[in-house]
Amino acid sequence: VRLLASTSPKPRLCIAMLVRGAPAPTLESFCRYHFGVGFRAIHFFFDAPADPKEAAALRACERWSKAGAVVHRCDAAWWARERRSGNRLFKAAERDDASDPLVEAAKDAVRWHDEVRDVQARQQLVVERACRLAESAGFDWILHVDADELLYFPDAACRNDAPAWFAAVPDGVEQV
């Protein structure tokens, strides 16, 4: 998603992901690749930060903090703060406006998060948080990429330079 109308020849790029059960070596590789091709921040939202099985993955991501990795521990206290913090989806879910499609989508996401801890609902909520963080930090683009995915550019000119690819996206294109 394009966050800002950039005038920079090299847009600033950010990634967000909800993490649960990803092996530490996978996350290390993810960081190595995406920071290597020009991403400046990766927000890791750990879905079960107290789970002892997540300890190695948390440490792996924290080792990349100087490169731009940010670890969010999404425990009950984090979710309570997020609900109060101005998250657009939590706020929209409180409104009673059936004519606004955001309100209905937000109500669904919050209900599915609250009632069944639905993965896609939690992804929507953490990506909304990541968008606010990235925009306030001056990032031009944010992508949601899971730990088992990567953004690959077939064009050799951009293969190792993701900002160059995003710089070529025409004005007015808000999502890729």
Protein backbone atom coordinates (compact mmCIF):
# COMPACT_ATOMS: atom_id res chain seq x y z
CA VAL A 1 0.00 0.00 0.00
CA ARG A 2 1.33 3.43 -0.90
CA LEU A 3 1.37 5.54 2.27
CA LEU A 4 2.80 8.82 1.00
CA ALA A 5 3.10 10.56 -2.34
CA SER A 6 6.87 10.34 -2.54
CA THR A 7 9.06 12.77 -4.42
CA SER A 8 12.12 10.70 -3.57
CA PRO A 9 13.86 8.76 -6.35
CA LYS A 10 14.25 5.91 -3.81
CA PRO A 11 11.04 5.34 -1.84
CA ARG A 12 11.34 4.09 1.72
CA LEU A 13 9.90 0.57 2.06
CA CYS A 14 8.50 -1.28 5.06
CA ILE A 15 7.06 -4.76 5.68
CA ALA A 16 4.62 -5.96 8.33
CA MET A 17 3.79 -9.52 9.32
CA LEU A 18 1.97 -11.47 11.99
CA VAL A 19 4.31 -14.22 13.23
CA ARG A 20 3.40 -17.52 14.83
CA GLY A 21 5.33 -20.75 14.52
CA ALA A 22 7.94 -19.47 12.06
CA PRO A 23 11.35 -21.04 12.64
CA ALA A 24 14.17 -18.67 13.61
CA PRO A 25 16.28 -19.57 10.52
CA THR A 26 13.32 -18.69 8.27
CA LEU A 27 13.00 -15.27 9.89
CA GLU A 28 16.77 -14.70 9.70
CA SER A 29 16.68 -15.52 5.99
CA PHE A 30 13.64 -13.27 5.53
CA CYS A 31 15.50 -10.35 7.13
CA ARG A 32 18.69 -10.99 5.19
CA TYR A 33 16.86 -11.04 1.86
CA HIS A 34 14.45 -8.13 2.37
CA PHE A 35 16.94 -5.79 4.03
CA GLY A 36 19.40 -6.80 1.32
CA VAL A 37 17.08 -5.66 -1.48
CA GLY A 38 16.37 -2.31 0.15
CA PHE A 39 13.60 -2.54 2.72
CA ARG A 40 14.29 -0.21 5.63
CA ALA A 41 11.96 -1.69 8.28
CA ILE A 42 10.21 -4.94 9.07
CA HIS A 43 7.55 -4.99 11.78
CA PHE A 44 7.23 -8.45 13.32
CA PHE A 45 4.00 -8.84 15.30
CA PHE A 46 4.44 -11.97 17.41
CA ASP A 47 1.06 -13.60 17.97
CA ALA A 48 2.16 -15.83 20.88
CA PRO A 49 5.17 -14.05 22.41
CA ALA A 50 5.00 -15.94 25.71
CA ASP A 51 5.11 -19.34 24.02
CA PRO A 52 8.54 -20.85 24.77
CA LYS A 53 8.60 -22.21 21.20
CA GLU A 54 8.71 -18.59 19.95
CA ALA A 55 11.78 -17.58 21.99
CA ALA A 56 14.36 -18.37 19.31
CA ALA A 57 12.29 -16.61 16.63
CA LEU A 58 11.93 -13.52 18.83
CA ARG A 59 15.69 -13.42 19.42
CA ALA A 60 16.37 -13.89 15.71
CA CYS A 61 14.25 -10.86 14.84
CA GLU A 62 15.65 -8.75 17.66
CA ARG A 63 19.17 -9.39 16.30
CA TRP A 64 18.12 -7.45 13.19
CA SER A 65 16.95 -4.36 15.12
CA LYS A 66 19.89 -2.22 13.95
CA ALA A 67 18.90 -2.96 10.35
CA GLY A 68 15.31 -1.93 11.04
CA ALA A 69 13.52 -4.95 12.53
CA VAL A 70 10.87 -3.99 15.08
CA VAL A 71 9.41 -6.67 17.34
CA HIS A 72 5.90 -6.27 18.73
CA ARG A 73 4.83 -8.75 21.41
CA CYS A 74 1.07 -9.12 20.88
CA ASP A 75 0.09 -10.38 24.30
CA ALA A 76 -3.18 -9.52 26.09
CA ALA A 77 -1.75 -6.23 27.40
CA TRP A 78 -0.61 -5.25 23.88
CA TRP A 79 -4.06 -5.93 22.45
CA ALA A 80 -5.70 -3.89 25.24
CA ARG A 81 -3.39 -0.95 24.50
CA GLU A 82 -4.04 -1.33 20.78
CA ARG A 83 -7.80 -1.23 21.33
CA ARG A 84 -7.38 2.10 23.19
CA SER A 85 -4.67 3.56 20.92
CA GLY A 86 -6.74 4.77 18.02
CA ASN A 87 -6.48 1.75 15.73
CA ARG A 88 -8.74 2.72 12.84
CA LEU A 89 -10.44 -0.70 12.74
CA PHE A 90 -11.16 -0.85 16.48
CA LYS A 91 -12.55 2.71 16.32
CA ALA A 92 -14.67 2.02 13.22
CA ALA A 93 -16.11 -1.12 14.84
CA GLU A 94 -17.57 1.06 17.59
CA ARG A 95 -19.54 3.19 15.11
CA ASP A 96 -23.09 2.42 14.08
CA ASP A 97 -23.08 3.31 10.38
CA ALA A 98 -24.23 0.43 8.18
CA SER A 99 -23.74 2.59 5.07
CA ASP A 100 -19.97 2.72 5.61
CA PRO A 101 -18.27 -0.44 4.29
CA LEU A 102 -15.27 0.17 6.58
CA VAL A 103 -17.54 -0.02 9.62
CA GLU A 104 -18.97 -3.38 8.63
CA ALA A 105 -15.54 -4.80 7.72
CA ALA A 106 -14.07 -3.48 10.96
CA LYS A 107 -16.90 -4.99 13.02
CA ASP A 108 -16.26 -8.35 11.36
CA ALA A 109 -12.50 -8.17 11.96
CA VAL A 110 -12.87 -7.18 15.60
CA ARG A 111 -15.59 -9.79 16.25
CA TRP A 112 -13.53 -12.57 14.60
CA HIS A 113 -10.47 -11.48 16.57
CA ASP A 114 -12.38 -11.36 19.87
CA GLU A 115 -14.45 -14.51 19.47
CA VAL A 116 -12.22 -17.00 17.65
CA ARG A 117 -8.79 -15.30 17.36
CA ASP A 118 -9.09 -15.54 13.58
CA VAL A 119 -5.70 -15.23 11.87
CA GLN A 120 -6.89 -12.97 9.03
CA ALA A 121 -8.67 -10.67 11.49
CA ARG A 122 -5.52 -10.32 13.60
CA GLN A 123 -3.49 -9.70 10.43
CA GLN A 124 -5.84 -6.86 9.48
CA LEU A 125 -5.54 -5.32 12.93
CA VAL A 126 -1.74 -5.51 13.15
CA VAL A 127 -1.26 -4.28 9.58
CA GLU A 128 -3.45 -1.28 10.42
CA ARG A 129 -1.09 -0.59 13.35
CA ALA A 130 1.95 -1.06 11.11
CA CYS A 131 0.52 1.37 8.55
CA ARG A 132 0.20 4.07 11.22
CA LEU A 133 3.75 3.45 12.43
CA ALA A 134 5.21 3.41 8.93
CA GLU A 135 3.37 6.53 7.82
CA SER A 136 4.46 8.46 10.92
CA ALA A 137 8.07 7.36 10.26
CA GLY A 138 7.90 8.69 6.69
CA PHE A 139 7.76 5.41 4.80
CA ASP A 140 6.37 5.56 1.27
CA TRP A 141 5.18 1.94 0.94
CA ILE A 142 4.23 -0.86 3.31
CA LEU A 143 3.71 -4.47 2.32
CA HIS A 144 2.19 -7.38 4.20
CA VAL A 145 4.46 -10.35 3.49
CA ASP A 146 4.31 -13.60 5.45
CA ALA A 147 7.43 -15.35 6.74
CA ASP A 148 7.20 -18.03 4.04
CA GLU A 149 6.99 -15.46 1.22
CA LEU A 150 9.35 -13.02 -0.41
CA LEU A 151 9.01 -10.17 -2.83
CA TYR A 152 10.90 -11.20 -5.95
CA PHE A 153 11.51 -8.96 -8.95
CA PRO A 154 11.97 -10.84 -12.23
CA ASP A 155 13.41 -7.71 -13.84
CA ALA A 156 17.17 -8.00 -13.28
CA ALA A 157 17.50 -4.21 -12.94
CA CYS A 158 15.33 -4.27 -9.79
CA ARG A 159 16.16 -7.71 -8.46
CA ASN A 160 18.50 -6.30 -5.81
CA ASP A 161 16.92 -2.85 -5.61
CA ALA A 162 13.29 -2.92 -4.44
CA PRO A 163 13.14 0.89 -4.04
CA ALA A 164 13.95 1.27 -7.76
CA TRP A 165 10.98 -0.92 -8.66
CA PHE A 166 8.63 1.04 -6.38
CA ALA A 167 9.99 4.35 -7.71
CA ALA A 168 8.71 3.31 -11.15
CA VAL A 169 5.15 2.71 -9.94
CA PRO A 170 3.06 5.45 -11.59
CA ASP A 171 1.48 8.19 -9.51
CA GLY A 172 -2.08 7.36 -8.64
CA VAL A 173 -1.37 3.63 -8.15
CA GLU A 174 -2.03 3.05 -4.47
CA GLN A 175 -1.66 -0.73 -4.25
CA VAL A 176 0.48 -3.31 -6.01
